[in-house]
Amino acid sequence: MNATAYYTHADCRKHEMGPGHPECPERLDAIEDHLLMTGVGDALDRREAPLASLGDIELGHDRMMIAAIRGLGDQLADDLNAGGPQYAQLDPDTALNVHTWNAMLRAAGASLAATDAVMAGEVENAFCAVRPPGHHACHDKAMGFCFFNNVAIAAKYALERHGLKRVAIVDFDVHHGNGTEDIIRGDDRILMVSFFQHPFYPHGGMQGGDNMVNIPVAAYTKGLAVREMIEALWIPRLEAFKPQMIFISAGFDAHRDDDLGQLGLTEQDYAWITQRIKDVAKRHAGGRIVSSLEGGYNLKALARSVEAHIRVLADL
């Protein structure tokens, strides 16, 4: 059995939000090229991301929100055929093109298929190299480059479709996973742990809840300090919770070279964080982990960080 599945799809490269936008198709190209160059890609069980069903998307999102986004995409296609604009703007940072709907379904579908594969014992864990990202997408609102919350949907899916009793979500993106927090708040079957730069986007602040350990950290905090926080605050809660599966919102924009944030992590920090998550998964979840790409916008730092993350997942 290959330890790690790698899910992606060409549809995820067709979604784009305009020239110069940091959440761009080249992010996936940079990851793919680097994994091939280093040989890491050869060790992975490569799989195509399927389209998620709308019934599964509704595990995390309001039906009217889903219909509104789909309708906006359909209207955009009609307008484009009539010589209209290429993009429909949802907020100052977030837009869709005519390919976004399929990319959204592939991104969510990857995490769901990965959950199925891990639960079936086909692989021990999985990484989903997909876009658009998801952790800002709330129950009833898309925002912050995100449309559907890939990880929150998958966590709910593991509970509802596979009958698990406890799952954990780990979010190490530089930005607060407000959408994930919104979707899982009050669901004591899910424990969310995260750190994020604060104050920073999104600026609404934390809502909090008994099932969350979300740690705000100041700009320019370096990896050693983050490791100490994880050891002191995440790990005891995760160990006490005993998750049966762990989902990772794998954002790499807390890297010191990434201009969209001001934290000071390196590839070695991401490897360390991944190993600590994996240790918990080994003890309580049979090693079951599904990781899905969130942020990371310096292409070289992103590619190196994903490599470090996958090397630990795959025991390379």
C-alpha atoms as a PDB file:
ATOM      1  CA  MET A   1       0.000   0.000   0.000  1.00  0.00           C
ATOM      2  CA  ASN A   2       1.311   3.431  -0.922  1.00  0.00           C
ATOM      3  CA  ALA A   3       1.196   5.517   2.232  1.00  0.00           C
ATOM      4  CA  THR A   4       0.014   8.760   0.623  1.00  0.00           C
ATOM      5  CA  ALA A   5      -2.492   9.542  -2.120  1.00  0.00           C
ATOM      6  CA  TYR A   6      -2.117  12.763  -4.123  1.00  0.00           C
ATOM      7  CA  TYR A   7      -5.328  14.229  -5.503  1.00  0.00           C
ATOM      8  CA  THR A   8      -5.506  16.960  -8.115  1.00  0.00           C
ATOM      9  CA  HIS A   9      -7.303  17.775 -11.375  1.00  0.00           C
ATOM     10  CA  ALA A  10      -6.708  19.943 -14.430  1.00  0.00           C
ATOM     11  CA  ASP A  11     -10.008  21.765 -13.746  1.00  0.00           C
ATOM     12  CA  CYS A  12      -8.395  23.342 -10.674  1.00  0.00           C
ATOM     13  CA  ARG A  13      -5.947  25.175 -12.961  1.00  0.00           C
ATOM     14  CA  LYS A  14      -8.697  26.697 -15.113  1.00  0.00           C
ATOM     15  CA  HIS A  15     -10.180  28.790 -12.315  1.00  0.00           C
ATOM     16  CA  GLU A  16      -8.492  32.173 -12.085  1.00  0.00           C
ATOM     17  CA  MET A  17      -9.481  35.592 -10.773  1.00  0.00           C
ATOM     18  CA  GLY A  18      -7.646  38.010 -13.055  1.00  0.00           C
ATOM     19  CA  PRO A  19      -4.099  39.117 -13.918  1.00  0.00           C
ATOM     20  CA  GLY A  20      -1.816  39.533 -10.926  1.00  0.00           C
ATOM     21  CA  HIS A  21      -4.085  37.768  -8.451  1.00  0.00           C
ATOM     22  CA  PRO A  22      -1.947  35.849  -5.928  1.00  0.00           C
ATOM     23  CA  GLU A  23      -4.308  32.854  -5.824  1.00  0.00           C
ATOM     24  CA  CYS A  24      -3.327  31.769  -9.317  1.00  0.00           C
ATOM     25  CA  PRO A  25      -3.085  28.519 -11.330  1.00  0.00           C
ATOM     26  CA  GLU A  26       0.715  28.744 -11.243  1.00  0.00           C
ATOM     27  CA  ARG A  27       0.568  27.695  -7.595  1.00  0.00           C
ATOM     28  CA  LEU A  28      -0.349  24.149  -8.604  1.00  0.00           C
ATOM     29  CA  ASP A  29       2.215  24.164 -11.420  1.00  0.00           C
ATOM     30  CA  ALA A  30       4.968  25.154  -8.971  1.00  0.00           C
ATOM     31  CA  ILE A  31       4.036  22.307  -6.617  1.00  0.00           C
ATOM     32  CA  GLU A  32       3.824  19.749  -9.413  1.00  0.00           C
ATOM     33  CA  ASP A  33       7.127  20.780 -11.002  1.00  0.00           C
ATOM     34  CA  HIS A  34       8.947  20.692  -7.674  1.00  0.00           C
ATOM     35  CA  LEU A  35       7.585  17.294  -6.678  1.00  0.00           C
ATOM     36  CA  LEU A  36       8.660  15.878 -10.035  1.00  0.00           C
ATOM     37  CA  MET A  37      12.097  17.480  -9.824  1.00  0.00           C
ATOM     38  CA  THR A  38      12.752  16.129  -6.327  1.00  0.00           C
ATOM     39  CA  GLY A  39      11.358  12.676  -7.078  1.00  0.00           C
ATOM     40  CA  VAL A  40       8.757  12.967  -4.318  1.00  0.00           C
ATOM     41  CA  GLY A  41       5.960  12.829  -6.870  1.00  0.00           C
ATOM     42  CA  ASP A  42       7.063   9.367  -7.961  1.00  0.00           C
ATOM     43  CA  ALA A  43       6.383   7.948  -4.507  1.00  0.00           C
ATOM     44  CA  LEU A  44       2.750   9.075  -4.370  1.00  0.00           C
ATOM     45  CA  ASP A  45      -0.463   7.303  -5.342  1.00  0.00           C
ATOM     46  CA  ARG A  46      -1.741   9.815  -7.914  1.00  0.00           C
ATOM     47  CA  ARG A  47      -5.495  10.140  -8.271  1.00  0.00           C
ATOM     48  CA  GLU A  48      -7.886  12.467 -10.100  1.00  0.00           C
ATOM     49  CA  ALA A  49     -10.235  14.531  -7.981  1.00  0.00           C
ATOM     50  CA  PRO A  50     -13.885  13.728  -8.761  1.00  0.00           C
ATOM     51  CA  LEU A  51     -16.741  16.223  -8.795  1.00  0.00           C
ATOM     52  CA  ALA A  52     -18.376  16.517  -5.380  1.00  0.00           C
ATOM     53  CA  SER A  53     -22.135  16.009  -5.252  1.00  0.00           C
ATOM     54  CA  LEU A  54     -24.278  18.946  -4.192  1.00  0.00           C
ATOM     55  CA  GLY A  55     -25.732  16.796  -1.432  1.00  0.00           C
ATOM     56  CA  ASP A  56     -22.275  16.484   0.096  1.00  0.00           C
ATOM     57  CA  ILE A  57     -21.549  20.209  -0.355  1.00  0.00           C
ATOM     58  CA  GLU A  58     -24.695  20.863   1.682  1.00  0.00           C
ATOM     59  CA  LEU A  59     -23.047  19.196   4.668  1.00  0.00           C
ATOM     60  CA  GLY A  60     -21.145  22.468   5.059  1.00  0.00           C
ATOM     61  CA  HIS A  61     -23.099  25.110   3.178  1.00  0.00           C
ATOM     62  CA  ASP A  62     -26.539  26.618   2.872  1.00  0.00           C
ATOM     63  CA  ARG A  63     -28.457  25.399  -0.180  1.00  0.00           C
ATOM     64  CA  MET A  64     -29.347  28.948  -1.241  1.00  0.00           C
ATOM     65  CA  MET A  65     -25.671  29.983  -1.151  1.00  0.00           C
ATOM     66  CA  ILE A  66     -24.745  27.047  -3.382  1.00  0.00           C
ATOM     67  CA  ALA A  67     -27.522  27.897  -5.831  1.00  0.00           C
ATOM     68  CA  ALA A  68     -26.530  31.576  -5.878  1.00  0.00           C
ATOM     69  CA  ILE A  69     -22.906  30.800  -6.785  1.00  0.00           C
ATOM     70  CA  ARG A  70     -23.967  28.339  -9.461  1.00  0.00           C
ATOM     71  CA  GLY A  71     -26.426  30.868 -10.876  1.00  0.00           C
ATOM     72  CA  LEU A  72     -23.773  33.559 -10.928  1.00  0.00           C
ATOM     73  CA  GLY A  73     -21.490  31.266 -12.917  1.00  0.00           C
ATOM     74  CA  ASP A  74     -24.261  30.432 -15.387  1.00  0.00           C
ATOM     75  CA  GLN A  75     -25.058  34.117 -15.836  1.00  0.00           C
ATOM     76  CA  LEU A  76     -21.390  34.890 -16.367  1.00  0.00           C
ATOM     77  CA  ALA A  77     -21.194  32.265 -19.127  1.00  0.00           C
ATOM     78  CA  ASP A  78     -24.219  33.794 -20.852  1.00  0.00           C
ATOM     79  CA  ASP A  79     -22.790  37.302 -20.555  1.00  0.00           C
ATOM     80  CA  LEU A  80     -19.374  36.201 -21.806  1.00  0.00           C
ATOM     81  CA  ASN A  81     -20.916  34.674 -24.913  1.00  0.00           C
ATOM     82  CA  ALA A  82     -22.539  38.055 -25.536  1.00  0.00           C
ATOM     83  CA  GLY A  83     -19.239  39.893 -25.206  1.00  0.00           C
ATOM     84  CA  GLY A  84     -19.519  40.594 -21.476  1.00  0.00           C
ATOM     85  CA  PRO A  85     -16.920  40.434 -18.693  1.00  0.00           C
ATOM     86  CA  GLN A  86     -14.695  37.432 -17.966  1.00  0.00           C
ATOM     87  CA  TYR A  87     -15.181  37.585 -14.181  1.00  0.00           C
ATOM     88  CA  ALA A  88     -17.981  37.973 -11.652  1.00  0.00           C
ATOM     89  CA  GLN A  89     -16.797  39.658  -8.454  1.00  0.00           C
ATOM     90  CA  LEU A  90     -18.043  38.321  -5.101  1.00  0.00           C
ATOM     91  CA  ASP A  91     -15.907  40.605  -2.945  1.00  0.00           C
ATOM     92  CA  PRO A  92     -12.785  42.736  -3.548  1.00  0.00           C
ATOM     93  CA  ASP A  93     -10.562  39.628  -3.303  1.00  0.00           C
ATOM     94  CA  THR A  94     -12.779  36.909  -4.732  1.00  0.00           C
ATOM     95  CA  ALA A  95     -14.064  36.412  -8.266  1.00  0.00           C
ATOM     96  CA  LEU A  96     -15.184  33.535 -10.441  1.00  0.00           C
ATOM     97  CA  ASN A  97     -14.759  32.761 -14.111  1.00  0.00           C
ATOM     98  CA  VAL A  98     -16.639  30.270 -16.260  1.00  0.00           C
ATOM     99  CA  HIS A  99     -14.430  27.418 -15.007  1.00  0.00           C
ATOM    100  CA  THR A 100     -14.739  28.175 -11.282  1.00  0.00           C
ATOM    101  CA  TRP A 101     -17.800  26.009 -10.615  1.00  0.00           C
ATOM    102  CA  ASN A 102     -16.096  22.807 -11.779  1.00  0.00           C
ATOM    103  CA  ALA A 103     -12.891  23.747  -9.950  1.00  0.00           C
ATOM    104  CA  MET A 104     -14.900  24.220  -6.746  1.00  0.00           C
ATOM    105  CA  LEU A 105     -16.516  20.816  -7.118  1.00  0.00           C
ATOM    106  CA  ARG A 106     -13.141  19.178  -7.863  1.00  0.00           C
ATOM    107  CA  ALA A 107     -11.504  20.840  -4.831  1.00  0.00           C
ATOM    108  CA  ALA A 108     -14.236  19.623  -2.506  1.00  0.00           C
ATOM    109  CA  GLY A 109     -14.444  16.294  -4.316  1.00  0.00           C
ATOM    110  CA  ALA A 110     -10.751  15.671  -3.727  1.00  0.00           C
ATOM    111  CA  SER A 111     -11.114  15.880   0.034  1.00  0.00           C
ATOM    112  CA  LEU A 112     -14.207  13.649  -0.039  1.00  0.00           C
ATOM    113  CA  ALA A 113     -12.569  11.023  -2.263  1.00  0.00           C
ATOM    114  CA  ALA A 114      -9.476  11.164  -0.075  1.00  0.00           C
ATOM    115  CA  THR A 115     -11.657  10.560   2.967  1.00  0.00           C
ATOM    116  CA  ASP A 116     -13.200   7.526   1.292  1.00  0.00           C
ATOM    117  CA  ALA A 117      -9.791   6.140   0.304  1.00  0.00           C
ATOM    118  CA  VAL A 118      -8.291   6.625   3.751  1.00  0.00           C
ATOM    119  CA  MET A 119     -11.336   5.158   5.484  1.00  0.00           C
ATOM    120  CA  ALA A 120     -11.232   2.149   3.141  1.00  0.00           C
ATOM    121  CA  GLY A 121      -7.585   1.531   4.026  1.00  0.00           C
ATOM    122  CA  GLU A 122      -6.411   2.027   0.439  1.00  0.00           C
ATOM    123  CA  VAL A 123      -3.893   4.619   1.656  1.00  0.00           C
ATOM    124  CA  GLU A 124      -2.861   5.815   5.081  1.00  0.00           C
ATOM    125  CA  ASN A 125      -3.223   9.521   4.292  1.00  0.00           C
ATOM    126  CA  ALA A 126      -3.718  11.936   1.411  1.00  0.00           C
ATOM    127  CA  PHE A 127      -2.756  15.387   0.161  1.00  0.00           C
ATOM    128  CA  CYS A 128      -5.114  17.348  -2.092  1.00  0.00           C
ATOM    129  CA  ALA A 129      -3.317  19.757  -4.431  1.00  0.00           C
ATOM    130  CA  VAL A 130      -6.414  21.723  -5.330  1.00  0.00           C
ATOM    131  CA  ARG A 131      -7.754  25.213  -5.700  1.00  0.00           C
ATOM    132  CA  PRO A 132      -9.741  27.275  -4.961  1.00  0.00           C
ATOM    133  CA  PRO A 133      -8.903  27.022  -1.258  1.00  0.00           C
ATOM    134  CA  GLY A 134     -11.688  26.811   1.303  1.00  0.00           C
ATOM    135  CA  HIS A 135     -11.132  27.832   4.897  1.00  0.00           C
ATOM    136  CA  HIS A 136     -12.655  31.334   4.641  1.00  0.00           C
ATOM    137  CA  ALA A 137     -15.876  29.998   3.096  1.00  0.00           C
ATOM    138  CA  CYS A 138     -18.637  30.275   5.707  1.00  0.00           C
ATOM    139  CA  HIS A 139     -21.870  28.312   5.921  1.00  0.00           C
ATOM    140  CA  ASP A 140     -23.723  30.912   3.858  1.00  0.00           C
ATOM    141  CA  LYS A 141     -21.016  33.104   2.305  1.00  0.00           C
ATOM    142  CA  ALA A 142     -18.002  32.812  -0.022  1.00  0.00           C
ATOM    143  CA  MET A 143     -15.093  35.146   0.721  1.00  0.00           C
ATOM    144  CA  GLY A 144     -11.309  35.506   0.841  1.00  0.00           C
ATOM    145  CA  PHE A 145     -10.419  33.510  -2.325  1.00  0.00           C
ATOM    146  CA  CYS A 146     -12.704  30.703  -1.042  1.00  0.00           C
ATOM    147  CA  PHE A 147     -16.062  29.359  -2.268  1.00  0.00           C
ATOM    148  CA  PHE A 148     -16.695  25.949  -0.688  1.00  0.00           C
ATOM    149  CA  ASN A 149     -14.964  24.928   2.543  1.00  0.00           C
ATOM    150  CA  ASN A 150     -13.219  21.765   1.381  1.00  0.00           C
ATOM    151  CA  VAL A 151     -11.925  20.643   4.773  1.00  0.00           C
ATOM    152  CA  ALA A 152     -15.042  21.445   6.808  1.00  0.00           C
ATOM    153  CA  ILE A 153     -17.194  19.574   4.277  1.00  0.00           C
ATOM    154  CA  ALA A 154     -14.867  16.557   4.455  1.00  0.00           C
ATOM    155  CA  ALA A 155     -14.904  16.580   8.252  1.00  0.00           C
ATOM    156  CA  LYS A 156     -18.707  16.575   8.272  1.00  0.00           C
ATOM    157  CA  TYR A 157     -18.668  13.871   5.589  1.00  0.00           C
ATOM    158  CA  ALA A 158     -16.479  11.609   7.733  1.00  0.00           C
ATOM    159  CA  LEU A 159     -18.969  11.956  10.565  1.00  0.00           C
ATOM    160  CA  GLU A 160     -22.200  11.677   8.577  1.00  0.00           C
ATOM    161  CA  ARG A 161     -21.257   9.250   5.796  1.00  0.00           C
ATOM    162  CA  HIS A 162     -18.628   7.109   7.536  1.00  0.00           C
ATOM    163  CA  GLY A 163     -20.043   7.123  11.053  1.00  0.00           C
ATOM    164  CA  LEU A 164     -17.007   8.452  12.879  1.00  0.00           C
ATOM    165  CA  LYS A 165     -17.638   9.969  16.303  1.00  0.00           C
ATOM    166  CA  ARG A 166     -14.712  12.405  16.609  1.00  0.00           C
ATOM    167  CA  VAL A 167     -12.605  14.192  13.983  1.00  0.00           C
ATOM    168  CA  ALA A 168     -10.097  17.019  14.276  1.00  0.00           C
ATOM    169  CA  ILE A 169      -9.287  19.908  11.947  1.00  0.00           C
ATOM    170  CA  VAL A 170      -5.794  21.418  12.051  1.00  0.00           C
ATOM    171  CA  ASP A 171      -5.351  24.781  10.283  1.00  0.00           C
ATOM    172  CA  PHE A 172      -1.849  26.283   9.964  1.00  0.00           C
ATOM    173  CA  ASP A 173      -2.603  28.928   7.332  1.00  0.00           C
ATOM    174  CA  VAL A 174      -1.394  32.448   8.177  1.00  0.00           C
ATOM    175  CA  HIS A 175      -5.004  33.662   8.031  1.00  0.00           C
ATOM    176  CA  HIS A 176      -7.709  32.801  10.538  1.00  0.00           C
ATOM    177  CA  GLY A 177      -9.968  30.012   9.271  1.00  0.00           C
ATOM    178  CA  ASN A 178     -13.123  31.961  10.006  1.00  0.00           C
ATOM    179  CA  GLY A 179     -15.241  29.937   7.598  1.00  0.00           C
ATOM    180  CA  THR A 180     -14.297  26.627   9.180  1.00  0.00           C
ATOM    181  CA  GLU A 181     -14.983  28.119  12.595  1.00  0.00           C
ATOM    182  CA  ASP A 182     -18.408  29.272  11.390  1.00  0.00           C
ATOM    183  CA  ILE A 183     -19.370  25.849  10.017  1.00  0.00           C
ATOM    184  CA  ILE A 184     -18.224  23.687  12.936  1.00  0.00           C
ATOM    185  CA  ARG A 185     -18.989  25.964  15.891  1.00  0.00           C
ATOM    186  CA  GLY A 186     -20.886  24.055  18.560  1.00  0.00           C
ATOM    187  CA  ASP A 187     -20.370  20.626  16.966  1.00  0.00           C
ATOM    188  CA  ASP A 188     -18.626  18.742  19.748  1.00  0.00           C
ATOM    189  CA  ARG A 189     -17.778  15.907  17.339  1.00  0.00           C
ATOM    190  CA  ILE A 190     -15.186  18.198  15.737  1.00  0.00           C
ATOM    191  CA  LEU A 191     -12.163  19.774  17.441  1.00  0.00           C
ATOM    192  CA  MET A 192     -10.471  22.610  15.535  1.00  0.00           C
ATOM    193  CA  VAL A 193      -6.944  23.740  16.384  1.00  0.00           C
ATOM    194  CA  SER A 194      -5.165  26.567  14.572  1.00  0.00           C
ATOM    195  CA  PHE A 195      -2.738  29.444  14.806  1.00  0.00           C
ATOM    196  CA  PHE A 196      -2.872  32.568  12.670  1.00  0.00           C
ATOM    197  CA  GLN A 197      -1.441  36.058  12.445  1.00  0.00           C
ATOM    198  CA  HIS A 198      -3.503  38.619  14.366  1.00  0.00           C
ATOM    199  CA  PRO A 199      -4.614  41.289  13.761  1.00  0.00           C
ATOM    200  CA  PHE A 200      -4.895  40.368  10.100  1.00  0.00           C
ATOM    201  CA  TYR A 201      -7.412  39.279   7.467  1.00  0.00           C
ATOM    202  CA  PRO A 202     -10.229  38.486   8.073  1.00  0.00           C
ATOM    203  CA  HIS A 203     -10.804  41.355  10.453  1.00  0.00           C
ATOM    204  CA  GLY A 204     -14.044  40.212  12.071  1.00  0.00           C
ATOM    205  CA  GLY A 205     -12.269  38.515  14.964  1.00  0.00           C
ATOM    206  CA  MET A 206     -12.710  35.056  16.427  1.00  0.00           C
ATOM    207  CA  GLN A 207     -16.146  33.761  17.355  1.00  0.00           C
ATOM    208  CA  GLY A 208     -14.694  30.996  19.480  1.00  0.00           C
ATOM    209  CA  GLY A 209     -16.310  27.928  20.977  1.00  0.00           C
ATOM    210  CA  ASP A 210     -15.636  25.033  23.319  1.00  0.00           C
ATOM    211  CA  ASN A 211     -14.566  22.852  20.381  1.00  0.00           C
ATOM    212  CA  MET A 212     -11.810  25.217  19.211  1.00  0.00           C
ATOM    213  CA  VAL A 213      -8.228  26.022  20.168  1.00  0.00           C
ATOM    214  CA  ASN A 214      -7.494  28.898  17.787  1.00  0.00           C
ATOM    215  CA  ILE A 215      -4.338  30.820  18.699  1.00  0.00           C
ATOM    216  CA  PRO A 216      -3.727  34.399  17.504  1.00  0.00           C
ATOM    217  CA  VAL A 217      -0.035  35.251  17.122  1.00  0.00           C
ATOM    218  CA  ALA A 218       1.669  38.553  16.468  1.00  0.00           C
ATOM    219  CA  ALA A 219       3.325  39.504  13.189  1.00  0.00           C
ATOM    220  CA  TYR A 220       6.988  38.472  12.892  1.00  0.00           C
ATOM    221  CA  THR A 221       6.563  35.490  15.220  1.00  0.00           C
ATOM    222  CA  LYS A 222       9.055  32.808  14.204  1.00  0.00           C
ATOM    223  CA  GLY A 223       8.784  29.069  13.963  1.00  0.00           C
ATOM    224  CA  LEU A 224      10.260  28.170  17.344  1.00  0.00           C
ATOM    225  CA  ALA A 225       7.651  30.231  19.178  1.00  0.00           C
ATOM    226  CA  VAL A 226       4.879  28.675  17.096  1.00  0.00           C
ATOM    227  CA  ARG A 227       6.204  25.193  17.888  1.00  0.00           C
ATOM    228  CA  GLU A 228       6.109  26.000  21.611  1.00  0.00           C
ATOM    229  CA  MET A 229       2.497  27.164  21.334  1.00  0.00           C
ATOM    230  CA  ILE A 230       1.516  24.004  19.469  1.00  0.00           C
ATOM    231  CA  GLU A 231       3.186  21.802  22.062  1.00  0.00           C
ATOM    232  CA  ALA A 232       1.553  23.638  24.955  1.00  0.00           C
ATOM    233  CA  LEU A 233      -1.939  24.276  23.557  1.00  0.00           C
ATOM    234  CA  TRP A 234      -2.776  22.058  20.565  1.00  0.00           C
ATOM    235  CA  ILE A 235      -1.275  18.742  21.534  1.00  0.00           C
ATOM    236  CA  PRO A 236      -2.893  18.296  24.976  1.00  0.00           C
ATOM    237  CA  ARG A 237      -6.354  19.041  23.546  1.00  0.00           C
ATOM    238  CA  LEU A 238      -5.825  16.728  20.582  1.00  0.00           C
ATOM    239  CA  GLU A 239      -4.561  13.942  22.834  1.00  0.00           C
ATOM    240  CA  ALA A 240      -7.535  14.323  25.178  1.00  0.00           C
ATOM    241  CA  PHE A 241      -9.990  14.443  22.260  1.00  0.00           C
ATOM    242  CA  LYS A 242      -8.610  11.266  20.615  1.00  0.00           C
ATOM    243  CA  PRO A 243      -9.687  12.057  17.050  1.00  0.00           C
ATOM    244  CA  GLN A 244     -10.527   9.119  14.804  1.00  0.00           C
ATOM    245  CA  MET A 245      -9.380  11.107  11.748  1.00  0.00           C
ATOM    246  CA  ILE A 246      -7.499  14.380  11.234  1.00  0.00           C
ATOM    247  CA  PHE A 247      -8.101  16.920   8.480  1.00  0.00           C
ATOM    248  CA  ILE A 248      -5.518  19.581   7.685  1.00  0.00           C
ATOM    249  CA  SER A 249      -6.125  23.011   6.193  1.00  0.00           C
ATOM    250  CA  ALA A 250      -2.611  23.186   4.798  1.00  0.00           C
ATOM    251  CA  GLY A 251      -1.840  26.828   4.138  1.00  0.00           C
ATOM    252  CA  PHE A 252       1.836  27.659   3.658  1.00  0.00           C
ATOM    253  CA  ASP A 253       1.591  31.467   3.671  1.00  0.00           C
ATOM    254  CA  ALA A 254       3.025  31.725   7.184  1.00  0.00           C
ATOM    255  CA  HIS A 255       6.398  31.061   5.502  1.00  0.00           C
ATOM    256  CA  ARG A 256       8.954  33.807   6.084  1.00  0.00           C
ATOM    257  CA  ASP A 257       9.301  34.361   2.311  1.00  0.00           C
ATOM    258  CA  ASP A 258       5.556  34.836   1.696  1.00  0.00           C
ATOM    259  CA  ASP A 259       4.579  38.483   1.293  1.00  0.00           C
ATOM    260  CA  LEU A 260       0.891  37.887   2.045  1.00  0.00           C
ATOM    261  CA  GLY A 261       1.740  37.344   5.700  1.00  0.00           C
ATOM    262  CA  GLN A 262       4.340  38.432   8.218  1.00  0.00           C
ATOM    263  CA  LEU A 263       5.100  35.246  10.138  1.00  0.00           C
ATOM    264  CA  GLY A 264       8.478  33.554  10.098  1.00  0.00           C
ATOM    265  CA  LEU A 265       8.007  29.842   9.475  1.00  0.00           C
ATOM    266  CA  THR A 266      10.272  27.702   7.281  1.00  0.00           C
ATOM    267  CA  GLU A 267       9.953  24.343   5.553  1.00  0.00           C
ATOM    268  CA  GLN A 268      11.488  22.708   8.629  1.00  0.00           C
ATOM    269  CA  ASP A 269       8.688  24.119  10.773  1.00  0.00           C
ATOM    270  CA  TYR A 270       6.052  22.687   8.441  1.00  0.00           C
ATOM    271  CA  ALA A 271       7.765  19.303   8.583  1.00  0.00           C
ATOM    272  CA  TRP A 272       7.793  19.477  12.399  1.00  0.00           C
ATOM    273  CA  ILE A 273       4.112  20.463  12.585  1.00  0.00           C
ATOM    274  CA  THR A 274       3.185  17.667  10.187  1.00  0.00           C
ATOM    275  CA  GLN A 275       5.110  15.141  12.262  1.00  0.00           C
ATOM    276  CA  ARG A 276       3.343  16.195  15.469  1.00  0.00           C
ATOM    277  CA  ILE A 277      -0.026  15.882  13.735  1.00  0.00           C
ATOM    278  CA  LYS A 278       1.013  12.505  12.382  1.00  0.00           C
ATOM    279  CA  ASP A 279       2.066  11.350  15.848  1.00  0.00           C
ATOM    280  CA  VAL A 280      -1.423  12.096  17.169  1.00  0.00           C
ATOM    281  CA  ALA A 281      -3.017  10.388  14.173  1.00  0.00           C
ATOM    282  CA  LYS A 282      -0.875   7.282  14.709  1.00  0.00           C
ATOM    283  CA  ARG A 283      -1.934   7.037  18.358  1.00  0.00           C
ATOM    284  CA  HIS A 284      -5.639   7.661  17.972  1.00  0.00           C
ATOM    285  CA  ALA A 285      -6.739   7.542  14.311  1.00  0.00           C
ATOM    286  CA  GLY A 286      -4.904   4.638  12.721  1.00  0.00           C
ATOM    287  CA  GLY A 287      -2.743   7.237  10.957  1.00  0.00           C
ATOM    288  CA  ARG A 288      -5.749   8.612   9.048  1.00  0.00           C
ATOM    289  CA  ILE A 289      -5.040  12.140   7.719  1.00  0.00           C
ATOM    290  CA  VAL A 290      -6.499  14.121   4.815  1.00  0.00           C
ATOM    291  CA  SER A 291      -4.659  17.352   4.023  1.00  0.00           C
ATOM    292  CA  SER A 292      -5.949  19.967   1.577  1.00  0.00           C
ATOM    293  CA  LEU A 293      -4.086  22.968   0.189  1.00  0.00           C
ATOM    294  CA  GLU A 294      -5.118  26.404   1.416  1.00  0.00           C
ATOM    295  CA  GLY A 295      -2.799  29.419   1.069  1.00  0.00           C
ATOM    296  CA  GLY A 296       0.824  29.882   0.048  1.00  0.00           C
ATOM    297  CA  TYR A 297       1.661  32.511  -2.553  1.00  0.00           C
ATOM    298  CA  ASN A 298       5.432  32.700  -2.884  1.00  0.00           C
ATOM    299  CA  LEU A 299       5.711  29.962  -5.481  1.00  0.00           C
ATOM    300  CA  LYS A 300       9.160  28.696  -4.522  1.00  0.00           C
ATOM    301  CA  ALA A 301       8.455  28.710  -0.791  1.00  0.00           C
ATOM    302  CA  LEU A 302       5.083  27.058  -1.405  1.00  0.00           C
ATOM    303  CA  ALA A 303       6.620  24.261  -3.455  1.00  0.00           C
ATOM    304  CA  ARG A 304       9.367  23.577  -0.916  1.00  0.00           C
ATOM    305  CA  SER A 305       6.912  23.639   1.977  1.00  0.00           C
ATOM    306  CA  VAL A 306       4.494  21.236   0.304  1.00  0.00           C
ATOM    307  CA  GLU A 307       7.428  18.923  -0.373  1.00  0.00           C
ATOM    308  CA  ALA A 308       8.387  19.007   3.313  1.00  0.00           C
ATOM    309  CA  HIS A 309       4.766  18.350   4.341  1.00  0.00           C
ATOM    310  CA  ILE A 310       4.359  15.423   1.947  1.00  0.00           C
ATOM    311  CA  ARG A 311       7.726  13.881   2.835  1.00  0.00           C
ATOM    312  CA  VAL A 312       6.513  13.487   6.415  1.00  0.00           C
ATOM    313  CA  LEU A 313       3.076  12.216   5.396  1.00  0.00           C
ATOM    314  CA  ALA A 314       4.636   9.643   3.055  1.00  0.00           C
ATOM    315  CA  ASP A 315       7.589   8.659   5.287  1.00  0.00           C
ATOM    316  CA  LEU A 316      10.092   9.719   2.641  1.00  0.00           C
END
